[in-house]
Amino acid sequence: MAQYKKTLGQAFVNVTAKLPMEDKSVSDRARRAYEIVRMLGSGYAITKEKNWYSVYKESTSLLEDNSVHYHIDSDGCSCPDASSKARAGLCKHRLAVMIIEEMHNAA
């Protein structure tokens, strides 16, 4: 289990303070990112490689594998929202990684 320097709540507040939260799409994605981090180990996983992250969501179907996996690095996220819908590429996966990184940062 990772040792964090900040709680999820503290990290969320710090990250969202830097975002244009008046934009409903950004605030909605930030809340979904919070839920992803909150659900780590219960359907979601975020792993760090050398200089990129991977966000993985387990399959929700017993009949077929519909799990998803996205690659997040300094250029953005590989999900469809990052390039087409999300303001400045701030998809929920990238925001979840920002929250995780903030949890690791010292106060």
N, C-alpha and C. Protein backbone atom coordinates (compact mmCIF):
# COMPACT_ATOMS: atom_id res chain seq x y z
N MET A 1 0.84 -1.18 0.00
CA MET A 1 0.00 0.00 0.00
C MET A 1 0.89 1.24 0.00
N ALA A 2 0.59 2.16 -0.87
CA ALA A 2 1.38 3.39 -0.99
C ALA A 2 1.21 4.26 0.24
N GLN A 3 2.29 4.92 0.62
CA GLN A 3 2.26 5.87 1.73
C GLN A 3 2.08 7.26 1.15
N TYR A 4 1.01 7.91 1.53
CA TYR A 4 0.72 9.24 1.01
C TYR A 4 1.04 10.30 2.05
N LYS A 5 1.46 11.46 1.58
CA LYS A 5 1.78 12.58 2.46
C LYS A 5 0.57 13.47 2.70
N LYS A 6 -0.44 13.32 1.86
CA LYS A 6 -1.68 14.09 2.00
C LYS A 6 -2.86 13.14 1.86
N THR A 7 -3.98 13.53 2.48
CA THR A 7 -5.21 12.74 2.32
C THR A 7 -5.80 13.02 0.95
N LEU A 8 -6.72 12.17 0.54
CA LEU A 8 -7.42 12.37 -0.73
C LEU A 8 -8.12 13.71 -0.72
N GLY A 9 -8.78 14.07 0.37
CA GLY A 9 -9.49 15.34 0.46
C GLY A 9 -8.57 16.54 0.31
N GLN A 10 -7.42 16.50 1.00
CA GLN A 10 -6.45 17.60 0.89
C GLN A 10 -5.93 17.72 -0.54
N ALA A 11 -5.60 16.59 -1.15
CA ALA A 11 -5.08 16.60 -2.52
C ALA A 11 -6.12 17.13 -3.49
N PHE A 12 -7.37 16.71 -3.32
CA PHE A 12 -8.45 17.17 -4.20
C PHE A 12 -8.60 18.69 -4.12
N VAL A 13 -8.61 19.22 -2.91
CA VAL A 13 -8.73 20.67 -2.73
C VAL A 13 -7.56 21.39 -3.38
N ASN A 14 -6.35 20.89 -3.20
CA ASN A 14 -5.17 21.53 -3.79
C ASN A 14 -5.20 21.50 -5.31
N VAL A 15 -5.60 20.38 -5.89
CA VAL A 15 -5.65 20.26 -7.35
C VAL A 15 -6.76 21.15 -7.91
N THR A 16 -7.93 21.08 -7.33
CA THR A 16 -9.05 21.85 -7.89
C THR A 16 -8.87 23.35 -7.71
N ALA A 17 -8.04 23.76 -6.77
CA ALA A 17 -7.76 25.20 -6.61
C ALA A 17 -7.02 25.76 -7.83
N LYS A 18 -6.39 24.88 -8.60
CA LYS A 18 -5.63 25.29 -9.78
C LYS A 18 -6.43 25.16 -11.07
N LEU A 19 -7.67 24.70 -10.97
CA LEU A 19 -8.49 24.42 -12.15
C LEU A 19 -9.59 25.46 -12.33
N PRO A 20 -10.06 25.61 -13.56
CA PRO A 20 -11.20 26.50 -13.81
C PRO A 20 -12.51 25.80 -13.41
N MET A 21 -12.74 25.70 -12.11
CA MET A 21 -13.89 24.94 -11.59
C MET A 21 -15.23 25.58 -11.92
N GLU A 22 -15.22 26.85 -12.39
CA GLU A 22 -16.47 27.47 -12.81
C GLU A 22 -17.00 26.83 -14.09
N ASP A 23 -16.12 26.13 -14.81
CA ASP A 23 -16.51 25.38 -16.00
C ASP A 23 -17.13 24.06 -15.53
N LYS A 24 -18.43 23.87 -15.77
CA LYS A 24 -19.13 22.69 -15.28
C LYS A 24 -18.49 21.39 -15.76
N SER A 25 -18.02 21.36 -16.98
CA SER A 25 -17.41 20.12 -17.48
C SER A 25 -16.13 19.79 -16.70
N VAL A 26 -15.36 20.81 -16.35
CA VAL A 26 -14.14 20.58 -15.56
C VAL A 26 -14.51 20.12 -14.15
N SER A 27 -15.46 20.78 -13.53
CA SER A 27 -15.84 20.40 -12.15
C SER A 27 -16.45 18.99 -12.13
N ASP A 28 -17.24 18.64 -13.14
CA ASP A 28 -17.79 17.28 -13.21
C ASP A 28 -16.68 16.25 -13.36
N ARG A 29 -15.72 16.53 -14.23
CA ARG A 29 -14.60 15.59 -14.42
C ARG A 29 -13.75 15.49 -13.16
N ALA A 30 -13.56 16.59 -12.46
CA ALA A 30 -12.78 16.57 -11.21
C ALA A 30 -13.47 15.68 -10.18
N ARG A 31 -14.78 15.77 -10.08
CA ARG A 31 -15.53 14.91 -9.14
C ARG A 31 -15.42 13.43 -9.54
N ARG A 32 -15.47 13.15 -10.84
CA ARG A 32 -15.31 11.77 -11.29
C ARG A 32 -13.89 11.27 -11.02
N ALA A 33 -12.90 12.15 -11.18
CA ALA A 33 -11.51 11.78 -10.87
C ALA A 33 -11.37 11.44 -9.39
N TYR A 34 -12.01 12.23 -8.53
CA TYR A 34 -12.00 11.96 -7.09
C TYR A 34 -12.54 10.56 -6.82
N GLU A 35 -13.63 10.20 -7.49
CA GLU A 35 -14.23 8.87 -7.31
C GLU A 35 -13.31 7.76 -7.80
N ILE A 36 -12.59 8.01 -8.89
CA ILE A 36 -11.63 7.01 -9.38
C ILE A 36 -10.59 6.74 -8.31
N VAL A 37 -10.02 7.80 -7.75
CA VAL A 37 -8.97 7.64 -6.73
C VAL A 37 -9.57 6.98 -5.48
N ARG A 38 -10.76 7.38 -5.11
CA ARG A 38 -11.42 6.79 -3.95
C ARG A 38 -11.66 5.29 -4.14
N MET A 39 -11.89 4.88 -5.37
CA MET A 39 -12.21 3.48 -5.68
C MET A 39 -10.97 2.63 -6.00
N LEU A 40 -9.77 3.16 -5.82
CA LEU A 40 -8.57 2.37 -6.10
C LEU A 40 -8.61 1.07 -5.31
N GLY A 41 -8.36 -0.02 -6.00
CA GLY A 41 -8.42 -1.33 -5.37
C GLY A 41 -9.81 -1.95 -5.42
N SER A 42 -10.80 -1.19 -5.81
CA SER A 42 -12.17 -1.68 -5.91
C SER A 42 -12.72 -1.39 -7.30
N GLY A 43 -12.04 -1.90 -8.29
CA GLY A 43 -12.48 -1.71 -9.67
C GLY A 43 -11.57 -0.81 -10.48
N TYR A 44 -10.76 -0.01 -9.81
CA TYR A 44 -9.82 0.88 -10.50
C TYR A 44 -8.41 0.63 -9.99
N ALA A 45 -7.45 0.87 -10.88
CA ALA A 45 -6.04 0.82 -10.51
C ALA A 45 -5.31 1.92 -11.26
N ILE A 46 -4.37 2.56 -10.58
CA ILE A 46 -3.49 3.54 -11.23
C ILE A 46 -2.07 3.11 -10.91
N THR A 47 -1.29 2.87 -11.96
CA THR A 47 0.10 2.47 -11.76
C THR A 47 1.01 3.49 -12.42
N LYS A 48 2.19 3.63 -11.86
CA LYS A 48 3.17 4.56 -12.40
C LYS A 48 4.33 3.78 -13.00
N GLU A 49 4.68 4.12 -14.20
CA GLU A 49 5.86 3.57 -14.86
C GLU A 49 6.96 4.62 -14.76
N LYS A 50 7.93 4.62 -15.64
CA LYS A 50 9.04 5.57 -15.55
C LYS A 50 8.56 7.01 -15.59
N ASN A 51 7.93 7.44 -16.65
CA ASN A 51 7.46 8.82 -16.76
C ASN A 51 6.05 8.89 -17.33
N TRP A 52 5.24 7.89 -17.00
CA TRP A 52 3.84 7.89 -17.40
C TRP A 52 3.04 7.04 -16.42
N TYR A 53 1.74 7.23 -16.46
CA TYR A 53 0.82 6.49 -15.61
C TYR A 53 -0.12 5.66 -16.47
N SER A 54 -0.70 4.67 -15.84
CA SER A 54 -1.71 3.84 -16.47
C SER A 54 -2.92 3.83 -15.55
N VAL A 55 -4.10 4.12 -16.12
CA VAL A 55 -5.36 4.03 -15.38
C VAL A 55 -6.13 2.85 -15.96
N TYR A 56 -6.53 1.96 -15.08
CA TYR A 56 -7.19 0.73 -15.50
C TYR A 56 -8.51 0.59 -14.76
N LYS A 57 -9.58 0.28 -15.48
CA LYS A 57 -10.87 -0.01 -14.89
C LYS A 57 -11.24 -1.44 -15.24
N GLU A 58 -11.55 -2.21 -14.20
CA GLU A 58 -11.90 -3.61 -14.41
C GLU A 58 -13.21 -3.73 -15.17
N SER A 59 -13.38 -4.86 -15.80
CA SER A 59 -14.61 -5.17 -16.53
C SER A 59 -15.80 -5.22 -15.57
N THR A 60 -16.93 -4.74 -16.03
CA THR A 60 -18.15 -4.80 -15.23
C THR A 60 -19.09 -5.88 -15.73
N SER A 61 -18.66 -6.64 -16.71
CA SER A 61 -19.49 -7.68 -17.30
C SER A 61 -18.93 -9.06 -16.97
N LEU A 62 -19.82 -9.96 -16.63
CA LEU A 62 -19.40 -11.34 -16.40
C LEU A 62 -19.25 -12.10 -17.70
N LEU A 63 -19.90 -11.62 -18.76
CA LEU A 63 -19.92 -12.33 -20.03
C LEU A 63 -18.79 -11.95 -20.97
N GLU A 64 -18.30 -10.72 -20.87
CA GLU A 64 -17.22 -10.30 -21.76
C GLU A 64 -16.30 -9.32 -21.03
N ASP A 65 -15.10 -9.24 -21.52
CA ASP A 65 -14.12 -8.33 -20.93
C ASP A 65 -14.29 -6.95 -21.54
N ASN A 66 -14.85 -6.03 -20.77
CA ASN A 66 -14.97 -4.65 -21.25
C ASN A 66 -14.12 -3.71 -20.39
N SER A 67 -13.01 -4.25 -19.87
CA SER A 67 -12.10 -3.43 -19.08
C SER A 67 -11.44 -2.38 -19.98
N VAL A 68 -11.04 -1.28 -19.38
CA VAL A 68 -10.41 -0.21 -20.15
C VAL A 68 -9.09 0.16 -19.52
N HIS A 69 -8.19 0.62 -20.36
CA HIS A 69 -6.84 0.97 -19.92
C HIS A 69 -6.40 2.21 -20.68
N TYR A 70 -5.97 3.24 -19.95
CA TYR A 70 -5.52 4.48 -20.59
C TYR A 70 -4.11 4.83 -20.14
N HIS A 71 -3.38 5.42 -21.05
CA HIS A 71 -1.99 5.83 -20.85
C HIS A 71 -1.97 7.35 -20.64
N ILE A 72 -1.39 7.81 -19.52
CA ILE A 72 -1.32 9.23 -19.21
C ILE A 72 0.14 9.63 -19.06
N ASP A 73 0.55 10.65 -19.81
CA ASP A 73 1.91 11.18 -19.69
C ASP A 73 1.86 12.70 -19.80
N SER A 74 3.00 13.32 -19.95
CA SER A 74 3.05 14.79 -20.00
C SER A 74 2.31 15.37 -21.20
N ASP A 75 2.07 14.55 -22.22
CA ASP A 75 1.34 15.01 -23.41
C ASP A 75 -0.17 14.87 -23.26
N GLY A 76 -0.64 14.14 -22.25
CA GLY A 76 -2.07 13.98 -22.05
C GLY A 76 -2.46 12.54 -21.79
N CYS A 77 -3.70 12.22 -22.13
CA CYS A 77 -4.27 10.90 -21.89
C CYS A 77 -4.70 10.29 -23.23
N SER A 78 -4.69 8.98 -23.29
CA SER A 78 -5.07 8.29 -24.52
C SER A 78 -6.58 8.08 -24.65
N CYS A 79 -7.37 8.54 -23.68
CA CYS A 79 -8.83 8.35 -23.77
C CYS A 79 -9.43 9.30 -24.82
N PRO A 80 -10.59 8.96 -25.36
CA PRO A 80 -11.22 9.80 -26.38
C PRO A 80 -11.60 11.19 -25.88
N ASP A 81 -12.00 11.31 -24.61
CA ASP A 81 -12.39 12.62 -24.06
C ASP A 81 -11.23 13.61 -24.03
N ALA A 82 -10.03 13.14 -23.77
CA ALA A 82 -8.88 14.03 -23.62
C ALA A 82 -8.64 14.86 -24.87
N SER A 83 -8.82 14.26 -26.02
CA SER A 83 -8.53 14.99 -27.26
C SER A 83 -9.75 15.66 -27.87
N SER A 84 -10.95 15.21 -27.51
CA SER A 84 -12.13 15.75 -28.19
C SER A 84 -13.04 16.62 -27.33
N LYS A 85 -13.21 16.30 -26.05
CA LYS A 85 -14.19 17.00 -25.24
C LYS A 85 -13.60 17.77 -24.07
N ALA A 86 -12.58 17.23 -23.44
CA ALA A 86 -12.08 17.80 -22.19
C ALA A 86 -11.29 19.09 -22.43
N ARG A 87 -11.65 20.11 -21.67
CA ARG A 87 -10.96 21.40 -21.75
C ARG A 87 -9.49 21.21 -21.38
N ALA A 88 -8.61 21.67 -22.24
CA ALA A 88 -7.15 21.58 -22.05
C ALA A 88 -6.69 20.15 -21.77
N GLY A 89 -7.43 19.17 -22.28
CA GLY A 89 -7.05 17.77 -22.08
C GLY A 89 -7.25 17.28 -20.66
N LEU A 90 -8.05 18.00 -19.87
CA LEU A 90 -8.26 17.63 -18.47
C LEU A 90 -9.39 16.60 -18.34
N CYS A 91 -9.11 15.39 -18.81
CA CYS A 91 -10.08 14.31 -18.66
C CYS A 91 -10.03 13.78 -17.22
N LYS A 92 -10.97 12.93 -16.87
CA LYS A 92 -11.02 12.42 -15.50
C LYS A 92 -9.80 11.58 -15.16
N HIS A 93 -9.20 10.91 -16.14
CA HIS A 93 -8.03 10.09 -15.88
C HIS A 93 -6.81 10.95 -15.55
N ARG A 94 -6.63 12.00 -16.34
CA ARG A 94 -5.51 12.92 -16.10
C ARG A 94 -5.68 13.62 -14.75
N LEU A 95 -6.91 14.02 -14.43
CA LEU A 95 -7.17 14.65 -13.14
C LEU A 95 -6.95 13.68 -11.99
N ALA A 96 -7.30 12.41 -12.17
CA ALA A 96 -7.05 11.40 -11.13
C ALA A 96 -5.56 11.26 -10.88
N VAL A 97 -4.77 11.27 -11.94
CA VAL A 97 -3.32 11.20 -11.79
C VAL A 97 -2.79 12.45 -11.08
N MET A 98 -3.34 13.61 -11.40
CA MET A 98 -2.93 14.85 -10.72
C MET A 98 -3.23 14.75 -9.21
N ILE A 99 -4.36 14.16 -8.86
CA ILE A 99 -4.70 14.00 -7.44
C ILE A 99 -3.73 13.03 -6.77
N ILE A 100 -3.43 11.91 -7.42
CA ILE A 100 -2.47 10.95 -6.88
C ILE A 100 -1.11 11.60 -6.67
N GLU A 101 -0.64 12.36 -7.67
CA GLU A 101 0.65 13.03 -7.54
C GLU A 101 0.63 14.02 -6.38
N GLU A 102 -0.47 14.73 -6.21
CA GLU A 102 -0.60 15.68 -5.11
C GLU A 102 -0.60 14.96 -3.76
N MET A 103 -1.18 13.77 -3.70
CA MET A 103 -1.16 13.01 -2.46
C MET A 103 0.25 12.61 -2.06
N HIS A 104 1.12 12.43 -3.05
CA HIS A 104 2.51 12.06 -2.79
C HIS A 104 3.39 13.26 -2.43
N ASN A 105 2.98 14.46 -2.81
CA ASN A 105 3.78 15.66 -2.54
C ASN A 105 3.73 16.04 -1.07
N ALA A 106 4.86 16.51 -0.57
CA ALA A 106 4.90 17.00 0.80
C ALA A 106 4.13 18.31 0.90
N ALA A 107 3.66 18.60 2.07
CA ALA A 107 2.85 19.81 2.30
C ALA A 107 3.59 21.09 2.01
